[in-house]
Amino acid sequence: MAFGELEHLILLQILRLDEKAFALEIRDRLRTEADRAVTRGALYRSLDRLADKGLIRWRTIEPDTGRGGHARRRFVVTTQGRELLAARRGVLMNLWDGLEGVLDV
């Protein structure tokens, strides 16, 4: 199954954030750790695509007083998503093998 760079980064951020994997936190981490500015619309479209592919799922977290009564979705990477990430990592590691000195700047 194919997925793009943004989807790849989102999956990794969901794994990193674990219990704190909410959309706005994912978006903030993409900006600070991947230097990737993503609009809310693009993020939610990507999250929906990942869910449609079976790579993530979410659970609705009931609202608290700090959110003005709005529920939140906490995202988790599915087993299928983890397997795909592991396979993608293996491919990337193989492609990087032997190139350690090529990009020295």
C-alpha atoms as a PDB file:
ATOM      1  CA  MET A   1       0.000   0.000   0.000  1.00  0.00           C
ATOM      2  CA  ALA A   2       1.327   3.390  -0.932  1.00  0.00           C
ATOM      3  CA  PHE A   3       1.232   6.482   1.213  1.00  0.00           C
ATOM      4  CA  GLY A   4       2.855   9.877   0.893  1.00  0.00           C
ATOM      5  CA  GLU A   5       5.436  11.729   2.912  1.00  0.00           C
ATOM      6  CA  LEU A   6       2.883  13.695   4.954  1.00  0.00           C
ATOM      7  CA  GLU A   7       0.997  10.531   5.851  1.00  0.00           C
ATOM      8  CA  HIS A   8       4.298   8.904   6.823  1.00  0.00           C
ATOM      9  CA  LEU A   9       5.173  11.835   9.087  1.00  0.00           C
ATOM     10  CA  ILE A  10       1.697  11.822  10.648  1.00  0.00           C
ATOM     11  CA  LEU A  11       1.931   8.116  11.461  1.00  0.00           C
ATOM     12  CA  LEU A  12       5.304   8.635  13.114  1.00  0.00           C
ATOM     13  CA  GLN A  13       4.013  11.570  15.147  1.00  0.00           C
ATOM     14  CA  ILE A  14       0.999   9.578  16.325  1.00  0.00           C
ATOM     15  CA  LEU A  15       3.367   6.879  17.585  1.00  0.00           C
ATOM     16  CA  ARG A  16       5.573   9.476  19.314  1.00  0.00           C
ATOM     17  CA  LEU A  17       2.667  11.293  20.954  1.00  0.00           C
ATOM     18  CA  ASP A  18       0.989   8.071  22.144  1.00  0.00           C
ATOM     19  CA  GLU A  19      -1.744   9.087  24.638  1.00  0.00           C
ATOM     20  CA  LYS A  20      -1.438  12.730  23.528  1.00  0.00           C
ATOM     21  CA  ALA A  21      -2.004  12.007  19.814  1.00  0.00           C
ATOM     22  CA  PHE A  22      -4.695  14.607  19.148  1.00  0.00           C
ATOM     23  CA  ALA A  23      -4.902  16.518  15.855  1.00  0.00           C
ATOM     24  CA  LEU A  24      -3.573  19.842  17.117  1.00  0.00           C
ATOM     25  CA  GLU A  25      -0.677  18.186  18.924  1.00  0.00           C
ATOM     26  CA  ILE A  26       0.177  16.242  15.763  1.00  0.00           C
ATOM     27  CA  ARG A  27       0.073  19.469  13.774  1.00  0.00           C
ATOM     28  CA  ASP A  28       2.302  21.279  16.292  1.00  0.00           C
ATOM     29  CA  ARG A  29       4.869  18.475  16.235  1.00  0.00           C
ATOM     30  CA  LEU A  30       4.914  18.422  12.443  1.00  0.00           C
ATOM     31  CA  ARG A  31       5.719  22.128  12.519  1.00  0.00           C
ATOM     32  CA  THR A  32       8.395  21.961  15.215  1.00  0.00           C
ATOM     33  CA  GLU A  33      10.045  18.593  14.551  1.00  0.00           C
ATOM     34  CA  ALA A  34       9.605  18.139  10.796  1.00  0.00           C
ATOM     35  CA  ASP A  35       9.560  21.819   9.780  1.00  0.00           C
ATOM     36  CA  ARG A  36       6.293  21.063   8.023  1.00  0.00           C
ATOM     37  CA  ALA A  37       3.462  23.597   8.225  1.00  0.00           C
ATOM     38  CA  VAL A  38       0.142  21.835   7.655  1.00  0.00           C
ATOM     39  CA  THR A  39      -3.252  23.491   7.547  1.00  0.00           C
ATOM     40  CA  ARG A  40      -6.002  22.046   9.716  1.00  0.00           C
ATOM     41  CA  GLY A  41      -7.898  21.025   6.589  1.00  0.00           C
ATOM     42  CA  ALA A  42      -4.926  19.188   5.088  1.00  0.00           C
ATOM     43  CA  LEU A  43      -4.258  17.459   8.387  1.00  0.00           C
ATOM     44  CA  TYR A  44      -7.835  16.257   8.817  1.00  0.00           C
ATOM     45  CA  ARG A  45      -8.005  15.087   5.177  1.00  0.00           C
ATOM     46  CA  SER A  46      -4.795  13.118   5.723  1.00  0.00           C
ATOM     47  CA  LEU A  47      -6.090  11.647   8.979  1.00  0.00           C
ATOM     48  CA  ASP A  48      -9.307  10.609   7.230  1.00  0.00           C
ATOM     49  CA  ARG A  49      -7.307   8.993   4.393  1.00  0.00           C
ATOM     50  CA  LEU A  50      -5.156   7.086   6.884  1.00  0.00           C
ATOM     51  CA  ALA A  51      -8.290   5.867   8.667  1.00  0.00           C
ATOM     52  CA  ASP A  52      -9.904   4.849   5.349  1.00  0.00           C
ATOM     53  CA  LYS A  53      -6.781   2.810   4.570  1.00  0.00           C
ATOM     54  CA  GLY A  54      -7.006   1.120   7.978  1.00  0.00           C
ATOM     55  CA  LEU A  55      -3.675   2.558   9.143  1.00  0.00           C
ATOM     56  CA  ILE A  56      -5.084   4.530  12.073  1.00  0.00           C
ATOM     57  CA  ARG A  57      -8.194   4.589  14.193  1.00  0.00           C
ATOM     58  CA  TRP A  58      -9.457   7.044  16.748  1.00  0.00           C
ATOM     59  CA  ARG A  59     -11.388   7.173  19.956  1.00  0.00           C
ATOM     60  CA  THR A  60     -13.558  10.086  20.934  1.00  0.00           C
ATOM     61  CA  ILE A  61     -12.520  11.664  24.202  1.00  0.00           C
ATOM     62  CA  GLU A  62     -15.359  13.364  26.020  1.00  0.00           C
ATOM     63  CA  PRO A  63     -15.139  17.136  26.328  1.00  0.00           C
ATOM     64  CA  ASP A  64     -13.803  18.887  29.365  1.00  0.00           C
ATOM     65  CA  THR A  65     -14.342  22.427  30.559  1.00  0.00           C
ATOM     66  CA  GLY A  66     -11.137  23.627  28.899  1.00  0.00           C
ATOM     67  CA  ARG A  67     -12.421  22.847  25.396  1.00  0.00           C
ATOM     68  CA  GLY A  68     -15.742  24.621  25.566  1.00  0.00           C
ATOM     69  CA  GLY A  69     -17.694  21.379  25.423  1.00  0.00           C
ATOM     70  CA  HIS A  70     -16.017  20.007  22.287  1.00  0.00           C
ATOM     71  CA  ALA A  71     -14.978  16.361  22.145  1.00  0.00           C
ATOM     72  CA  ARG A  72     -11.527  15.387  20.845  1.00  0.00           C
ATOM     73  CA  ARG A  73     -10.330  12.449  18.782  1.00  0.00           C
ATOM     74  CA  ARG A  74      -7.265  10.596  20.036  1.00  0.00           C
ATOM     75  CA  PHE A  75      -5.499   8.750  17.240  1.00  0.00           C
ATOM     76  CA  VAL A  76      -3.655   5.432  17.342  1.00  0.00           C
ATOM     77  CA  VAL A  77      -1.730   3.578  14.667  1.00  0.00           C
ATOM     78  CA  THR A  78      -3.269   0.192  13.892  1.00  0.00           C
ATOM     79  CA  THR A  79      -1.334  -3.046  13.583  1.00  0.00           C
ATOM     80  CA  GLN A  80      -1.558  -2.674   9.815  1.00  0.00           C
ATOM     81  CA  GLY A  81      -0.145   0.847  10.107  1.00  0.00           C
ATOM     82  CA  ARG A  82       2.730  -0.343  12.278  1.00  0.00           C
ATOM     83  CA  GLU A  83       3.538  -3.139   9.834  1.00  0.00           C
ATOM     84  CA  LEU A  84       3.538  -0.702   6.926  1.00  0.00           C
ATOM     85  CA  LEU A  85       5.823   1.708   8.811  1.00  0.00           C
ATOM     86  CA  ALA A  86       8.211  -1.125   9.644  1.00  0.00           C
ATOM     87  CA  ALA A  87       8.319  -2.174   5.994  1.00  0.00           C
ATOM     88  CA  ARG A  88       8.856   1.425   4.846  1.00  0.00           C
ATOM     89  CA  ARG A  89      11.646   1.850   7.409  1.00  0.00           C
ATOM     90  CA  GLY A  90      13.370  -1.258   6.082  1.00  0.00           C
ATOM     91  CA  VAL A  91      13.208   0.054   2.522  1.00  0.00           C
ATOM     92  CA  LEU A  92      14.593   3.445   3.548  1.00  0.00           C
ATOM     93  CA  MET A  93      17.384   1.890   5.608  1.00  0.00           C
ATOM     94  CA  ASN A  94      18.376  -0.277   2.624  1.00  0.00           C
ATOM     95  CA  LEU A  95      18.404   2.745   0.335  1.00  0.00           C
ATOM     96  CA  TRP A  96      20.541   4.744   2.808  1.00  0.00           C
ATOM     97  CA  ASP A  97      22.996   1.872   3.315  1.00  0.00           C
ATOM     98  CA  GLY A  98      26.411   2.861   2.007  1.00  0.00           C
ATOM     99  CA  LEU A  99      25.560   6.559   1.594  1.00  0.00           C
ATOM    100  CA  GLU A 100      26.823   7.740   4.976  1.00  0.00           C
ATOM    101  CA  GLY A 101      29.520   9.995   3.533  1.00  0.00           C
ATOM    102  CA  VAL A 102      27.748  11.180   0.412  1.00  0.00           C
ATOM    103  CA  LEU A 103      25.775  13.973   2.048  1.00  0.00           C
ATOM    104  CA  ASP A 104      28.475  15.392   4.291  1.00  0.00           C
ATOM    105  CA  VAL A 105      28.123  19.142   4.027  1.00  0.00           C
END
